[in-house]
Amino acid sequence: MKRNFLIIVFGLLINVLVVLEANAVCNVEQFRFGSTIKDIEKQTKNMRINTLPTSEIYNSTEDKFSIIFAGEDICKDDDEFIGTPVEMIFLYGKLVELRVIKFLENGDDPVLMIWAEKVYGQKTNKPRSYDFKEPSMHLLWNNFNATISYSMTSVGYGIEELVVIQSRRYRDLFKKYSKKEDGV
């Protein structure tokens, strides 16, 4: 009797995990803020990502540089990321910002705002005139870990959606880089 109960509980647990995995939303922060280029290289190799840039970038000593991956490689099970580049921005050798860009043809429904709110929490206090059909808009909010910026801009015959996720933990690196760029 006890064995049958354990088998039933185990079966239910497996079913719950399968459903949760199917409903999981891709989190581009699977690449942890503060990671080095070498960390990203190891992680992408473990993920079997084929769009890895040349290894020369991993030896870069620049203050700021970025790597762009195909969204469908980073978020393999999320159709919203097909044709959606994911850019990783590094300051002083540490991952501090992620950018996700999606181009939509006029009439297509925006997807990145919905995705961003699922992963990073709802944007509260949206303006009353807030509407996904507006050709240009910008929203900004924080969670415990990051500052999230969403913008939608009309470009040519479509709309560009952009989500920028910046680490709040590495604000000092943003300040340091900004001062350097301003010549201060």
Protein backbone atom coordinates (compact mmCIF):
# COMPACT_ATOMS: atom_id res chain seq x y z
CA MET A 1 0.00 0.00 0.00
CA LYS A 2 2.78 2.41 0.96
CA ARG A 3 4.65 1.57 -2.24
CA ASN A 4 1.59 2.30 -4.43
CA PHE A 5 1.14 5.64 -2.67
CA LEU A 6 4.77 6.59 -3.32
CA ILE A 7 4.45 5.62 -6.99
CA ILE A 8 1.31 7.76 -7.36
CA VAL A 9 2.93 10.75 -5.61
CA PHE A 10 6.07 10.38 -7.74
CA GLY A 11 3.94 10.21 -10.91
CA LEU A 12 2.03 13.35 -9.93
CA LEU A 13 5.29 15.16 -9.16
CA ILE A 14 6.68 14.27 -12.59
CA ASN A 15 3.49 15.53 -14.28
CA VAL A 16 3.66 18.84 -12.37
CA LEU A 17 7.30 19.32 -13.36
CA VAL A 18 6.52 18.60 -17.02
CA VAL A 19 3.67 21.14 -17.00
CA LEU A 20 5.84 23.75 -15.26
CA GLU A 21 8.64 23.22 -17.79
CA ALA A 22 6.21 23.57 -20.70
CA ASN A 23 4.89 26.84 -19.27
CA ALA A 24 8.31 28.23 -18.39
CA VAL A 25 9.19 31.57 -19.91
CA CYS A 26 12.70 32.02 -21.21
CA ASN A 27 14.84 34.09 -18.90
CA VAL A 28 17.85 35.58 -20.68
CA GLU A 29 19.36 36.12 -17.26
CA GLN A 30 20.35 32.47 -17.34
CA PHE A 31 23.58 34.26 -18.16
CA ARG A 32 24.28 35.78 -14.77
CA PHE A 33 25.16 39.44 -14.41
CA GLY A 34 28.82 39.71 -13.46
CA SER A 35 29.79 36.75 -15.66
CA THR A 36 33.05 37.07 -17.54
CA ILE A 37 33.49 36.38 -21.23
CA LYS A 38 35.08 33.03 -20.35
CA ASP A 39 32.03 32.16 -18.21
CA ILE A 40 29.74 32.91 -21.15
CA GLU A 41 31.94 30.87 -23.49
CA LYS A 42 31.70 27.83 -21.19
CA GLN A 43 27.97 28.22 -20.70
CA THR A 44 27.21 28.57 -24.41
CA LYS A 45 29.35 25.53 -25.22
CA ASN A 46 27.42 23.54 -22.61
CA MET A 47 24.19 24.74 -24.24
CA ARG A 48 25.53 23.67 -27.66
CA ILE A 49 24.98 27.12 -29.11
CA ASN A 50 26.29 27.14 -32.66
CA THR A 51 26.22 30.90 -33.26
CA LEU A 52 29.16 31.55 -30.97
CA PRO A 53 31.23 34.52 -32.14
CA THR A 54 34.92 33.97 -32.84
CA SER A 55 36.97 33.17 -29.77
CA GLU A 56 39.07 36.32 -30.30
CA ILE A 57 36.29 38.35 -28.66
CA TYR A 58 36.78 36.37 -25.47
CA ASN A 59 40.27 37.77 -25.10
CA SER A 60 39.14 41.37 -25.51
CA THR A 61 40.56 43.97 -23.15
CA GLU A 62 38.21 46.76 -24.22
CA ASP A 63 36.28 48.63 -21.52
CA LYS A 64 32.99 47.98 -23.32
CA PHE A 65 32.09 45.32 -25.83
CA SER A 66 29.15 43.12 -26.74
CA ILE A 67 28.31 39.72 -28.11
CA ILE A 68 25.15 39.01 -30.10
CA PHE A 69 23.47 35.60 -30.15
CA ALA A 70 20.46 34.32 -32.05
CA GLY A 71 17.47 34.35 -29.72
CA GLU A 72 16.38 30.91 -30.86
CA ASP A 73 19.70 29.54 -29.55
CA ILE A 74 19.44 31.26 -26.17
CA CYS A 75 15.73 30.44 -25.72
CA LYS A 76 15.39 27.19 -27.66
CA ASP A 77 11.82 26.40 -26.61
CA ASP A 78 10.36 29.88 -26.95
CA ASP A 79 8.98 30.73 -30.40
CA GLU A 80 8.88 34.43 -29.49
CA PHE A 81 12.68 34.46 -29.76
CA ILE A 82 12.92 33.23 -33.34
CA GLY A 83 14.63 36.00 -35.30
CA THR A 84 15.21 37.97 -32.10
CA PRO A 85 18.84 38.85 -31.39
CA VAL A 86 20.02 38.82 -27.77
CA GLU A 87 22.93 41.16 -27.12
CA MET A 88 25.16 40.85 -24.07
CA ILE A 89 26.95 44.06 -23.03
CA PHE A 90 30.12 43.85 -20.96
CA LEU A 91 31.78 46.65 -19.04
CA TYR A 92 35.29 46.05 -17.76
CA GLY A 93 34.96 42.34 -18.43
CA LYS A 94 31.65 41.78 -16.61
CA LEU A 95 28.19 41.14 -18.06
CA VAL A 96 26.08 44.12 -16.99
CA GLU A 97 23.33 44.47 -19.58
CA LEU A 98 21.15 42.33 -21.84
CA ARG A 99 19.28 43.67 -24.88
CA VAL A 100 16.50 41.84 -26.70
CA ILE A 101 15.28 43.28 -30.00
CA LYS A 102 12.30 42.19 -32.08
CA PHE A 103 11.06 43.63 -35.36
CA LEU A 104 7.32 43.37 -35.99
CA GLU A 105 5.46 44.13 -39.15
CA ASN A 106 2.63 46.64 -38.81
CA GLY A 107 -0.39 44.91 -37.34
CA ASP A 108 1.59 42.23 -35.46
CA ASP A 109 1.03 42.08 -31.74
CA PRO A 110 3.95 43.04 -29.53
CA VAL A 111 5.46 40.09 -27.69
CA LEU A 112 8.48 41.40 -25.79
CA MET A 113 6.50 43.53 -23.30
CA ILE A 114 4.40 40.53 -22.34
CA TRP A 115 7.54 38.40 -22.07
CA ALA A 116 9.38 41.04 -19.99
CA GLU A 117 6.49 41.35 -17.54
CA LYS A 118 6.32 37.57 -17.13
CA VAL A 119 10.03 37.36 -16.33
CA TYR A 120 10.68 40.66 -14.51
CA GLY A 121 7.32 41.46 -12.96
CA GLN A 122 4.44 43.65 -13.97
CA LYS A 123 5.08 47.28 -14.80
CA THR A 124 2.82 49.16 -12.41
CA ASN A 125 1.45 52.66 -12.88
CA LYS A 126 1.30 52.46 -16.65
CA PRO A 127 0.08 55.73 -18.17
CA ARG A 128 -3.66 55.87 -18.80
CA SER A 129 -2.99 56.30 -22.50
CA TYR A 130 -0.79 53.17 -22.47
CA ASP A 131 -1.64 51.13 -25.53
CA PHE A 132 0.35 48.53 -27.43
CA LYS A 133 -0.98 50.02 -30.67
CA GLU A 134 0.87 53.30 -30.10
CA PRO A 135 3.73 53.62 -32.60
CA SER A 136 6.16 54.98 -30.00
CA MET A 137 6.29 54.40 -26.26
CA HIS A 138 8.75 53.84 -23.45
CA LEU A 139 8.31 52.20 -20.04
CA LEU A 140 10.81 51.76 -17.23
CA TRP A 141 10.62 49.73 -14.01
CA ASN A 142 12.82 48.00 -11.43
CA ASN A 143 12.82 44.66 -9.74
CA PHE A 144 15.16 43.52 -6.97
CA ASN A 145 17.94 42.70 -9.45
CA ALA A 146 17.62 44.88 -12.51
CA THR A 147 16.24 47.96 -14.19
CA ILE A 148 14.04 47.02 -17.14
CA SER A 149 13.40 49.35 -20.04
CA TYR A 150 10.84 48.61 -22.76
CA SER A 151 10.43 50.69 -25.87
CA MET A 152 8.41 50.35 -29.01
CA THR A 153 9.36 52.54 -31.95
CA SER A 154 7.84 52.88 -35.39
CA VAL A 155 10.44 52.15 -38.07
CA GLY A 156 9.65 52.01 -41.76
CA TYR A 157 6.94 49.47 -42.39
CA GLY A 158 6.97 48.01 -38.90
CA ILE A 159 7.73 48.38 -35.25
CA GLU A 160 10.87 47.68 -33.26
CA GLU A 161 10.49 46.37 -29.74
CA LEU A 162 13.47 46.68 -27.44
CA VAL A 163 13.89 45.36 -23.91
CA VAL A 164 17.02 46.39 -22.02
CA ILE A 165 17.82 44.68 -18.73
CA GLN A 166 20.57 46.40 -16.72
CA SER A 167 22.09 44.99 -13.57
CA ARG A 168 21.50 47.15 -10.52
CA ARG A 169 24.39 45.43 -8.75
CA TYR A 170 26.96 46.82 -11.20
CA ARG A 171 25.87 50.47 -11.21
CA ASP A 172 29.41 51.46 -10.27
CA LEU A 173 30.70 50.04 -13.58
CA PHE A 174 28.11 52.07 -15.52
CA LYS A 175 29.17 55.21 -13.64
CA LYS A 176 32.86 54.48 -14.20
CA TYR A 177 32.33 53.95 -17.93
CA SER A 178 30.13 57.04 -18.24
CA LYS A 179 32.76 59.22 -16.56
CA LYS A 180 35.43 57.85 -18.86
CA GLU A 181 33.29 58.52 -21.95
CA ASP A 182 32.53 62.06 -20.75
CA GLY A 183 36.23 62.68 -20.14
CA VAL A 184 35.71 63.36 -16.45
